[in-house]
Amino acid sequence: MRMPSASKLSRFIACPASFALPQVEQEVSDSATRGTEIHSYLANQVDSSQGVLPLSAETQEYVAKLSVDEVLAGREVVAAEITILYNPHTRQATVAAGEDKSYRTSHEVIGGTADLILREPDGRFTILDWKTGYDVEHPKQNKQLLFFAECLRRMYGSETQCAGEIAFAAPATGKITVA
């Protein structure tokens, strides 16, 4: 059975059998494409070495309203768009090399790409997940954020303090709200 990605952990927990069944390739929706473009833009805002995908006119209009400065104020950016892997057999977490996304079809590891890992002035980590949709779990129940926090603890030590945040950007104003 293939392993779920970090973003699919909630579905996996609710219905493990869905990962044992054959998967049907689906067309990429306009919303998914827009979300990918927005993530690329935001990653470049915090790490200019990250390339930016070409943006559609709709996405350009949307991101023109965004400002990430408030979200980042006083925080150190540790990583942007970083792929983290966890091997449940060895119970070890690692950072994937380069653009490795092989976890998407893996039978060995659970993986995911964290949007931002920040270090707070007090030393604790914050995992920030940009959301472009509306149906999102609260950060304290969000399996993807909990997964990344556990991986950081396994990489940096069990005493590592981690918190998860979800950032929403209002479509009309671009105002970013962090929960």
N, C-alpha and C. Protein backbone atom coordinates (compact mmCIF):
# COMPACT_ATOMS: atom_id res chain seq x y z
N MET A 1 0.85 -1.18 0.00
CA MET A 1 0.00 0.00 0.00
C MET A 1 0.90 1.24 0.00
N ARG A 2 0.55 2.20 -0.82
CA ARG A 2 1.34 3.43 -0.83
C ARG A 2 1.02 4.24 0.42
N MET A 3 1.99 5.02 0.83
CA MET A 3 1.83 5.86 2.02
C MET A 3 1.11 7.14 1.64
N PRO A 4 0.39 7.72 2.58
CA PRO A 4 -0.25 9.01 2.30
C PRO A 4 0.79 10.13 2.35
N SER A 5 0.48 11.22 1.68
CA SER A 5 1.31 12.41 1.85
C SER A 5 0.82 13.12 3.11
N ALA A 6 1.61 14.07 3.60
CA ALA A 6 1.22 14.81 4.81
C ALA A 6 -0.12 15.49 4.63
N SER A 7 -0.39 16.00 3.43
CA SER A 7 -1.64 16.72 3.20
C SER A 7 -2.85 15.78 3.14
N LYS A 8 -2.61 14.48 3.01
CA LYS A 8 -3.71 13.50 2.94
C LYS A 8 -3.87 12.70 4.22
N LEU A 9 -3.16 13.07 5.30
CA LEU A 9 -3.22 12.29 6.54
C LEU A 9 -4.62 12.26 7.14
N SER A 10 -5.35 13.36 7.08
CA SER A 10 -6.72 13.35 7.64
C SER A 10 -7.59 12.33 6.93
N ARG A 11 -7.49 12.29 5.60
CA ARG A 11 -8.29 11.32 4.83
C ARG A 11 -7.83 9.91 5.15
N PHE A 12 -6.52 9.70 5.26
CA PHE A 12 -5.98 8.37 5.56
C PHE A 12 -6.49 7.87 6.91
N ILE A 13 -6.49 8.75 7.90
CA ILE A 13 -6.96 8.37 9.24
C ILE A 13 -8.45 8.04 9.21
N ALA A 14 -9.21 8.82 8.45
CA ALA A 14 -10.66 8.59 8.36
C ALA A 14 -10.99 7.33 7.56
N CYS A 15 -10.19 7.03 6.52
CA CYS A 15 -10.51 5.89 5.66
C CYS A 15 -9.23 5.29 5.08
N PRO A 16 -8.51 4.47 5.88
CA PRO A 16 -7.25 3.88 5.40
C PRO A 16 -7.42 3.05 4.13
N ALA A 17 -8.57 2.42 3.97
CA ALA A 17 -8.79 1.57 2.80
C ALA A 17 -8.71 2.36 1.50
N SER A 18 -9.00 3.65 1.56
CA SER A 18 -8.97 4.45 0.33
C SER A 18 -7.56 4.51 -0.27
N PHE A 19 -6.54 4.24 0.53
CA PHE A 19 -5.17 4.23 0.02
C PHE A 19 -4.77 2.87 -0.51
N ALA A 20 -5.54 1.84 -0.19
CA ALA A 20 -5.25 0.50 -0.70
C ALA A 20 -5.91 0.28 -2.06
N LEU A 21 -6.91 1.08 -2.35
CA LEU A 21 -7.62 0.94 -3.62
C LEU A 21 -6.84 1.58 -4.75
N PRO A 22 -7.05 1.12 -5.98
CA PRO A 22 -6.38 1.76 -7.12
C PRO A 22 -6.77 3.24 -7.21
N GLN A 23 -5.80 4.06 -7.55
CA GLN A 23 -6.03 5.50 -7.64
C GLN A 23 -6.33 5.89 -9.08
N VAL A 24 -7.23 6.82 -9.24
CA VAL A 24 -7.60 7.32 -10.56
C VAL A 24 -6.94 8.68 -10.75
N GLU A 25 -6.24 8.83 -11.86
CA GLU A 25 -5.64 10.12 -12.16
C GLU A 25 -6.76 11.13 -12.42
N GLN A 26 -6.65 12.28 -11.80
CA GLN A 26 -7.65 13.32 -11.98
C GLN A 26 -7.01 14.53 -12.65
N GLU A 27 -7.80 15.25 -13.41
CA GLU A 27 -7.31 16.49 -14.00
C GLU A 27 -7.06 17.49 -12.89
N VAL A 28 -6.06 18.32 -13.07
CA VAL A 28 -5.76 19.36 -12.10
C VAL A 28 -6.79 20.47 -12.27
N SER A 29 -7.45 20.82 -11.17
CA SER A 29 -8.48 21.86 -11.23
C SER A 29 -7.86 23.25 -11.32
N ASP A 30 -8.66 24.22 -11.74
CA ASP A 30 -8.20 25.61 -11.79
C ASP A 30 -7.81 26.09 -10.39
N SER A 31 -8.57 25.67 -9.37
CA SER A 31 -8.26 26.06 -7.99
C SER A 31 -6.92 25.50 -7.54
N ALA A 32 -6.64 24.25 -7.91
CA ALA A 32 -5.36 23.64 -7.53
C ALA A 32 -4.21 24.36 -8.24
N THR A 33 -4.39 24.69 -9.50
CA THR A 33 -3.36 25.42 -10.24
C THR A 33 -3.11 26.77 -9.61
N ARG A 34 -4.18 27.46 -9.26
CA ARG A 34 -4.04 28.78 -8.62
C ARG A 34 -3.33 28.66 -7.28
N GLY A 35 -3.69 27.65 -6.50
CA GLY A 35 -3.03 27.43 -5.21
C GLY A 35 -1.54 27.19 -5.38
N THR A 36 -1.17 26.41 -6.38
CA THR A 36 0.25 26.14 -6.65
C THR A 36 0.97 27.44 -7.03
N GLU A 37 0.33 28.26 -7.85
CA GLU A 37 0.93 29.54 -8.26
C GLU A 37 1.12 30.45 -7.04
N ILE A 38 0.12 30.51 -6.17
CA ILE A 38 0.19 31.36 -4.98
C ILE A 38 1.29 30.87 -4.05
N HIS A 39 1.39 29.55 -3.84
CA HIS A 39 2.45 29.00 -3.00
C HIS A 39 3.82 29.35 -3.56
N SER A 40 3.97 29.25 -4.87
CA SER A 40 5.25 29.59 -5.51
C SER A 40 5.59 31.06 -5.28
N TYR A 41 4.61 31.92 -5.45
CA TYR A 41 4.82 33.36 -5.24
C TYR A 41 5.22 33.64 -3.79
N LEU A 42 4.49 33.06 -2.84
CA LEU A 42 4.78 33.30 -1.42
C LEU A 42 6.15 32.75 -1.02
N ALA A 43 6.51 31.58 -1.54
CA ALA A 43 7.83 31.03 -1.24
C ALA A 43 8.92 31.97 -1.74
N ASN A 44 8.72 32.56 -2.90
CA ASN A 44 9.70 33.50 -3.45
C ASN A 44 9.76 34.78 -2.63
N GLN A 45 8.66 35.18 -2.00
CA GLN A 45 8.66 36.39 -1.18
C GLN A 45 9.55 36.25 0.06
N VAL A 46 9.67 35.03 0.57
CA VAL A 46 10.49 34.82 1.76
C VAL A 46 11.86 34.25 1.43
N ASP A 47 12.04 33.72 0.23
CA ASP A 47 13.33 33.16 -0.20
C ASP A 47 13.44 33.40 -1.69
N SER A 48 14.12 34.48 -2.05
CA SER A 48 14.17 34.88 -3.46
C SER A 48 14.94 33.89 -4.33
N SER A 49 15.62 32.92 -3.73
CA SER A 49 16.29 31.91 -4.55
C SER A 49 15.29 30.89 -5.10
N GLN A 50 14.09 30.89 -4.53
CA GLN A 50 13.03 30.01 -5.03
C GLN A 50 12.52 30.60 -6.34
N GLY A 51 12.39 29.79 -7.35
CA GLY A 51 11.84 30.27 -8.61
C GLY A 51 10.35 30.50 -8.48
N VAL A 52 9.82 31.38 -9.30
CA VAL A 52 8.38 31.64 -9.30
C VAL A 52 7.79 31.07 -10.59
N LEU A 53 6.74 30.30 -10.45
CA LEU A 53 6.04 29.80 -11.62
C LEU A 53 5.40 30.98 -12.36
N PRO A 54 5.17 30.84 -13.65
CA PRO A 54 4.41 31.89 -14.34
C PRO A 54 3.02 32.00 -13.71
N LEU A 55 2.57 33.21 -13.45
CA LEU A 55 1.28 33.42 -12.79
C LEU A 55 0.23 33.81 -13.81
N SER A 56 -0.97 33.24 -13.64
CA SER A 56 -2.10 33.63 -14.48
C SER A 56 -2.49 35.06 -14.12
N ALA A 57 -3.24 35.71 -14.99
CA ALA A 57 -3.69 37.09 -14.73
C ALA A 57 -4.48 37.16 -13.43
N GLU A 58 -5.34 36.16 -13.18
CA GLU A 58 -6.15 36.13 -11.96
C GLU A 58 -5.26 36.04 -10.72
N THR A 59 -4.24 35.18 -10.78
CA THR A 59 -3.34 35.03 -9.64
C THR A 59 -2.50 36.29 -9.45
N GLN A 60 -2.05 36.91 -10.54
CA GLN A 60 -1.28 38.16 -10.43
C GLN A 60 -2.09 39.23 -9.71
N GLU A 61 -3.37 39.34 -10.04
CA GLU A 61 -4.24 40.32 -9.40
C GLU A 61 -4.38 40.01 -7.90
N TYR A 62 -4.50 38.73 -7.58
CA TYR A 62 -4.65 38.30 -6.19
C TYR A 62 -3.39 38.57 -5.38
N VAL A 63 -2.22 38.14 -5.88
CA VAL A 63 -0.99 38.28 -5.10
C VAL A 63 -0.52 39.73 -5.00
N ALA A 64 -0.98 40.59 -5.91
CA ALA A 64 -0.61 42.00 -5.83
C ALA A 64 -1.10 42.62 -4.53
N LYS A 65 -2.12 42.04 -3.92
CA LYS A 65 -2.70 42.55 -2.68
C LYS A 65 -2.02 41.97 -1.43
N LEU A 66 -1.21 40.92 -1.60
CA LEU A 66 -0.65 40.21 -0.45
C LEU A 66 0.60 40.90 0.09
N SER A 67 0.71 40.87 1.40
CA SER A 67 1.93 41.33 2.06
C SER A 67 2.25 40.33 3.16
N VAL A 68 3.43 39.73 3.07
CA VAL A 68 3.80 38.74 4.07
C VAL A 68 4.60 39.35 5.21
N ASP A 69 4.92 40.65 5.12
CA ASP A 69 5.76 41.28 6.13
C ASP A 69 5.21 41.14 7.55
N GLU A 70 3.90 41.34 7.73
CA GLU A 70 3.30 41.23 9.07
C GLU A 70 3.47 39.83 9.64
N VAL A 71 3.30 38.82 8.79
CA VAL A 71 3.39 37.43 9.23
C VAL A 71 4.82 37.09 9.65
N LEU A 72 5.80 37.67 8.97
CA LEU A 72 7.20 37.33 9.22
C LEU A 72 7.87 38.21 10.27
N ALA A 73 7.24 39.29 10.67
CA ALA A 73 7.86 40.25 11.58
C ALA A 73 8.44 39.57 12.82
N GLY A 74 9.74 39.77 13.05
CA GLY A 74 10.40 39.24 14.24
C GLY A 74 10.72 37.76 14.20
N ARG A 75 10.47 37.12 13.08
CA ARG A 75 10.71 35.68 12.97
C ARG A 75 11.83 35.41 11.95
N GLU A 76 12.60 34.38 12.21
CA GLU A 76 13.64 33.96 11.27
C GLU A 76 13.05 32.89 10.35
N VAL A 77 13.23 33.05 9.05
CA VAL A 77 12.80 32.03 8.11
C VAL A 77 13.86 30.94 8.09
N VAL A 78 13.49 29.74 8.53
CA VAL A 78 14.41 28.60 8.53
C VAL A 78 14.37 27.93 7.16
N ALA A 79 13.17 27.77 6.61
CA ALA A 79 13.04 27.11 5.30
C ALA A 79 11.70 27.48 4.69
N ALA A 80 11.69 27.53 3.36
CA ALA A 80 10.46 27.74 2.60
C ALA A 80 10.33 26.61 1.59
N GLU A 81 9.11 26.08 1.48
CA GLU A 81 8.83 25.01 0.53
C GLU A 81 9.85 23.87 0.68
N ILE A 82 9.92 23.33 1.88
CA ILE A 82 10.89 22.26 2.17
C ILE A 82 10.17 20.93 2.32
N THR A 83 10.70 19.91 1.66
CA THR A 83 10.09 18.59 1.70
C THR A 83 10.67 17.79 2.87
N ILE A 84 9.77 17.30 3.72
CA ILE A 84 10.16 16.53 4.89
C ILE A 84 9.60 15.11 4.74
N LEU A 85 10.45 14.14 5.04
CA LEU A 85 10.07 12.73 4.91
C LEU A 85 10.13 12.05 6.27
N TYR A 86 9.20 11.13 6.49
CA TYR A 86 9.20 10.34 7.72
C TYR A 86 9.07 8.87 7.32
N ASN A 87 9.98 8.05 7.86
CA ASN A 87 9.94 6.62 7.61
C ASN A 87 9.36 5.95 8.85
N PRO A 88 8.14 5.42 8.77
CA PRO A 88 7.53 4.81 9.96
C PRO A 88 8.23 3.53 10.40
N HIS A 89 9.01 2.89 9.53
CA HIS A 89 9.72 1.67 9.90
C HIS A 89 10.93 1.99 10.77
N THR A 90 11.65 3.07 10.43
CA THR A 90 12.84 3.46 11.21
C THR A 90 12.52 4.55 12.22
N ARG A 91 11.34 5.17 12.07
CA ARG A 91 10.90 6.28 12.92
C ARG A 91 11.84 7.47 12.85
N GLN A 92 12.38 7.69 11.65
CA GLN A 92 13.29 8.81 11.45
C GLN A 92 12.69 9.78 10.45
N ALA A 93 12.95 11.06 10.70
CA ALA A 93 12.52 12.12 9.81
C ALA A 93 13.76 12.76 9.19
N THR A 94 13.64 13.12 7.92
CA THR A 94 14.75 13.75 7.20
C THR A 94 14.19 14.81 6.26
N VAL A 95 15.09 15.64 5.78
CA VAL A 95 14.75 16.61 4.74
C VAL A 95 15.14 15.99 3.41
N ALA A 96 14.23 16.04 2.44
CA ALA A 96 14.52 15.48 1.12
C ALA A 96 15.49 16.38 0.37
N ALA A 97 16.28 15.79 -0.47
CA ALA A 97 17.24 16.54 -1.27
C ALA A 97 16.54 17.23 -2.43
N GLY A 98 16.87 18.49 -2.64
CA GLY A 98 16.39 19.23 -3.81
C GLY A 98 14.89 19.21 -3.97
N GLU A 99 14.48 18.92 -5.18
CA GLU A 99 13.05 18.93 -5.55
C GLU A 99 12.43 17.53 -5.48
N ASP A 100 12.96 16.66 -4.65
CA ASP A 100 12.49 15.28 -4.57
C ASP A 100 11.05 15.23 -4.08
N LYS A 101 10.15 14.77 -4.94
CA LYS A 101 8.74 14.59 -4.58
C LYS A 101 8.33 13.13 -4.72
N SER A 102 9.31 12.21 -4.67
CA SER A 102 9.02 10.79 -4.85
C SER A 102 8.11 10.24 -3.76
N TYR A 103 7.99 10.97 -2.64
CA TYR A 103 7.12 10.51 -1.56
C TYR A 103 5.67 10.38 -2.03
N ARG A 104 5.31 11.07 -3.08
CA ARG A 104 3.92 11.05 -3.55
C ARG A 104 3.47 9.66 -3.99
N THR A 105 4.41 8.80 -4.35
CA THR A 105 4.06 7.43 -4.76
C THR A 105 4.80 6.39 -3.93
N SER A 106 5.30 6.78 -2.77
CA SER A 106 6.14 5.90 -1.96
C SER A 106 5.33 4.86 -1.18
N HIS A 107 5.96 3.71 -1.01
CA HIS A 107 5.43 2.67 -0.14
C HIS A 107 6.23 2.62 1.15
N GLU A 108 7.24 3.49 1.28
CA GLU A 108 8.16 3.46 2.41
C GLU A 108 8.05 4.67 3.34
N VAL A 109 7.80 5.84 2.78
CA VAL A 109 7.84 7.06 3.58
C VAL A 109 6.56 7.88 3.43
N ILE A 110 6.28 8.65 4.46
CA ILE A 110 5.23 9.67 4.43
C ILE A 110 5.97 10.99 4.25
N GLY A 111 5.52 11.79 3.33
CA GLY A 111 6.23 13.05 3.10
C GLY A 111 5.27 14.18 2.82
N GLY A 112 5.83 15.36 2.86
CA GLY A 112 5.04 16.53 2.55
C GLY A 112 5.95 17.74 2.43
N THR A 113 5.41 18.77 1.86
CA THR A 113 6.18 20.00 1.69
C THR A 113 5.61 21.06 2.62
N ALA A 114 6.43 21.49 3.56
CA ALA A 114 6.05 22.55 4.50
C ALA A 114 6.21 23.90 3.80
N ASP A 115 5.21 24.74 3.88
CA ASP A 115 5.27 26.04 3.22
C ASP A 115 6.35 26.92 3.84
N LEU A 116 6.33 27.03 5.15
CA LEU A 116 7.34 27.84 5.86
C LEU A 116 7.64 27.22 7.21
N ILE A 117 8.91 27.18 7.55
CA ILE A 117 9.31 26.85 8.91
C ILE A 117 10.03 28.08 9.44
N LEU A 118 9.50 28.60 10.53
CA LEU A 118 10.03 29.83 11.12
C LEU A 118 10.59 29.51 12.50
N ARG A 119 11.56 30.32 12.93
CA ARG A 119 12.04 30.22 14.31
C ARG A 119 11.64 31.51 15.01
N GLU A 120 10.95 31.35 16.13
CA GLU A 120 10.49 32.49 16.92
C GLU A 120 11.66 33.05 17.72
N PRO A 121 11.56 34.30 18.19
CA PRO A 121 12.63 34.87 19.01
C PRO A 121 12.98 34.04 20.24
N ASP A 122 12.00 33.28 20.78
CA ASP A 122 12.26 32.45 21.96
C ASP A 122 12.86 31.08 21.61
N GLY A 123 13.11 30.82 20.32
CA GLY A 123 13.76 29.59 19.88
C GLY A 123 12.84 28.50 19.38
N ARG A 124 11.55 28.60 19.64
CA ARG A 124 10.65 27.53 19.19
C ARG A 124 10.38 27.67 17.69
N PHE A 125 10.00 26.57 17.08
CA PHE A 125 9.67 26.55 15.67
C PHE A 125 8.18 26.81 15.47
N THR A 126 7.85 27.45 14.37
CA THR A 126 6.47 27.57 13.93
C THR A 126 6.40 27.07 12.50
N ILE A 127 5.47 26.18 12.23
CA ILE A 127 5.23 25.69 10.88
C ILE A 127 4.03 26.48 10.36
N LEU A 128 4.23 27.23 9.31
CA LEU A 128 3.17 28.06 8.75
C LEU A 128 2.69 27.45 7.45
N ASP A 129 1.41 27.23 7.33
CA ASP A 129 0.83 26.64 6.13
C ASP A 129 -0.09 27.67 5.49
N TRP A 130 0.24 28.04 4.25
CA TRP A 130 -0.63 28.97 3.51
C TRP A 130 -1.82 28.20 2.98
N LYS A 131 -3.02 28.70 3.18
CA LYS A 131 -4.22 28.04 2.67
C LYS A 131 -4.92 28.97 1.70
N THR A 132 -5.31 28.38 0.59
CA THR A 132 -6.04 29.15 -0.42
C THR A 132 -7.49 28.68 -0.52
N GLY A 133 -7.83 27.59 0.18
CA GLY A 133 -9.20 27.09 0.21
C GLY A 133 -9.87 27.49 1.50
N TYR A 134 -11.04 26.95 1.75
CA TYR A 134 -11.81 27.37 2.91
C TYR A 134 -12.08 26.26 3.91
N ASP A 135 -12.05 25.01 3.49
CA ASP A 135 -12.38 23.89 4.37
C ASP A 135 -11.09 23.36 5.01
N VAL A 136 -10.70 23.97 6.13
CA VAL A 136 -9.41 23.66 6.74
C VAL A 136 -9.60 23.38 8.23
N GLU A 137 -8.89 22.35 8.71
CA GLU A 137 -8.92 22.04 10.14
C GLU A 137 -8.19 23.13 10.93
N HIS A 138 -8.60 23.32 12.19
CA HIS A 138 -7.90 24.23 13.09
C HIS A 138 -6.46 23.74 13.24
N PRO A 139 -5.47 24.64 13.40
CA PRO A 139 -4.08 24.21 13.50
C PRO A 139 -3.81 23.13 14.55
N LYS A 140 -4.53 23.15 15.66
CA LYS A 140 -4.28 22.14 16.71
C LYS A 140 -4.80 20.76 16.33
N GLN A 141 -5.68 20.68 15.32
CA GLN A 141 -6.17 19.39 14.84
C GLN A 141 -5.67 19.06 13.44
N ASN A 142 -4.98 19.98 12.80
CA ASN A 142 -4.54 19.81 11.42
C ASN A 142 -3.44 18.75 11.36
N LYS A 143 -3.75 17.61 10.77
CA LYS A 143 -2.81 16.47 10.75
C LYS A 143 -1.52 16.80 10.01
N GLN A 144 -1.61 17.62 8.98
CA GLN A 144 -0.42 18.01 8.22
C GLN A 144 0.54 18.80 9.11
N LEU A 145 0.04 19.79 9.85
CA LEU A 145 0.88 20.57 10.74
C LEU A 145 1.43 19.72 11.88
N LEU A 146 0.60 18.85 12.42
CA LEU A 146 1.05 17.96 13.50
C LEU A 146 2.16 17.02 12.99
N PHE A 147 2.02 16.56 11.76
CA PHE A 147 3.05 15.71 11.14
C PHE A 147 4.38 16.47 11.07
N PHE A 148 4.36 17.69 10.54
CA PHE A 148 5.59 18.46 10.41
C PHE A 148 6.21 18.75 11.79
N ALA A 149 5.38 19.06 12.78
CA ALA A 149 5.89 19.32 14.13
C ALA A 149 6.58 18.07 14.69
N GLU A 150 5.97 16.91 14.50
CA GLU A 150 6.58 15.67 14.98
C GLU A 150 7.88 15.39 14.25
N CYS A 151 7.93 15.64 12.97
CA CYS A 151 9.18 15.44 12.21
C CYS A 151 10.29 16.36 12.73
N LEU A 152 9.95 17.61 13.01
CA LEU A 152 10.96 18.53 13.55
C LEU A 152 11.47 18.04 14.90
N ARG A 153 10.57 17.52 15.73
CA ARG A 153 11.00 16.97 17.03
C ARG A 153 11.95 15.79 16.83
N ARG A 154 11.66 14.96 15.86
CA ARG A 154 12.52 13.80 15.60
C ARG A 154 13.87 14.24 15.03
N MET A 155 13.91 15.34 14.28
CA MET A 155 15.17 15.81 13.72
C MET A 155 15.99 16.61 14.72
N TYR A 156 15.33 17.39 15.57
CA TYR A 156 16.04 18.31 16.47
C TYR A 156 16.00 17.91 17.94
N GLY A 157 15.29 16.85 18.28
CA GLY A 157 15.21 16.41 19.66
C GLY A 157 13.80 16.52 20.20
N SER A 158 13.44 15.61 21.08
CA SER A 158 12.06 15.52 21.57
C SER A 158 11.62 16.74 22.37
N GLU A 159 12.57 17.53 22.86
CA GLU A 159 12.21 18.72 23.64
C GLU A 159 11.96 19.94 22.76
N THR A 160 12.12 19.78 21.46
CA THR A 160 11.92 20.89 20.54
C THR A 160 10.49 21.39 20.61
N GLN A 161 10.33 22.69 20.81
CA GLN A 161 9.00 23.30 20.88
C GLN A 161 8.54 23.67 19.48
N CYS A 162 7.36 23.22 19.11
CA CYS A 162 6.80 23.49 17.78
C CYS A 162 5.35 23.92 17.91
N ALA A 163 4.95 24.79 17.03
CA ALA A 163 3.54 25.20 16.94
C ALA A 163 3.18 25.26 15.47
N GLY A 164 1.92 25.13 15.19
CA GLY A 164 1.44 25.23 13.81
C GLY A 164 0.53 26.42 13.66
N GLU A 165 0.63 27.07 12.52
CA GLU A 165 -0.25 28.19 12.19
C GLU A 165 -0.75 28.00 10.77
N ILE A 166 -1.92 28.49 10.53
CA ILE A 166 -2.47 28.49 9.17
C ILE A 166 -2.72 29.94 8.79
N ALA A 167 -2.21 30.33 7.63
CA ALA A 167 -2.40 31.69 7.14
C ALA A 167 -3.42 31.67 6.01
N PHE A 168 -4.44 32.49 6.16
CA PHE A 168 -5.45 32.66 5.12
C PHE A 168 -5.30 34.05 4.54
N ALA A 169 -5.44 34.19 3.26
CA ALA A 169 -5.41 35.50 2.63
C ALA A 169 -6.80 35.78 2.07
N ALA A 170 -7.41 36.85 2.54
CA ALA A 170 -8.76 37.21 2.08
C ALA A 170 -8.70 37.55 0.60
N PRO A 171 -9.53 36.91 -0.23
CA PRO A 171 -9.47 37.15 -1.67
C PRO A 171 -9.71 38.61 -2.07
N ALA A 172 -10.58 39.31 -1.38
CA ALA A 172 -10.90 40.67 -1.79
C ALA A 172 -9.81 41.68 -1.42
N THR A 173 -9.23 41.53 -0.24
CA THR A 173 -8.30 42.54 0.26
C THR A 173 -6.83 42.10 0.30
N GLY A 174 -6.59 40.78 0.31
CA GLY A 174 -5.24 40.29 0.46
C GLY A 174 -4.77 40.30 1.90
N LYS A 175 -5.62 40.75 2.82
CA LYS A 175 -5.25 40.77 4.25
C LYS A 175 -5.00 39.35 4.71
N ILE A 176 -3.84 39.12 5.31
CA ILE A 176 -3.48 37.79 5.77
C ILE A 176 -3.86 37.64 7.24
N THR A 177 -4.62 36.62 7.53
CA THR A 177 -5.02 36.30 8.89
C THR A 177 -4.34 35.01 9.30
N VAL A 178 -3.76 34.99 10.48
CA VAL A 178 -3.08 33.79 10.97
C VAL A 178 -3.90 33.21 12.11
N ALA A 179 -4.16 31.90 12.02
CA ALA A 179 -4.91 31.20 13.08
C ALA A 179 -3.99 30.21 13.76
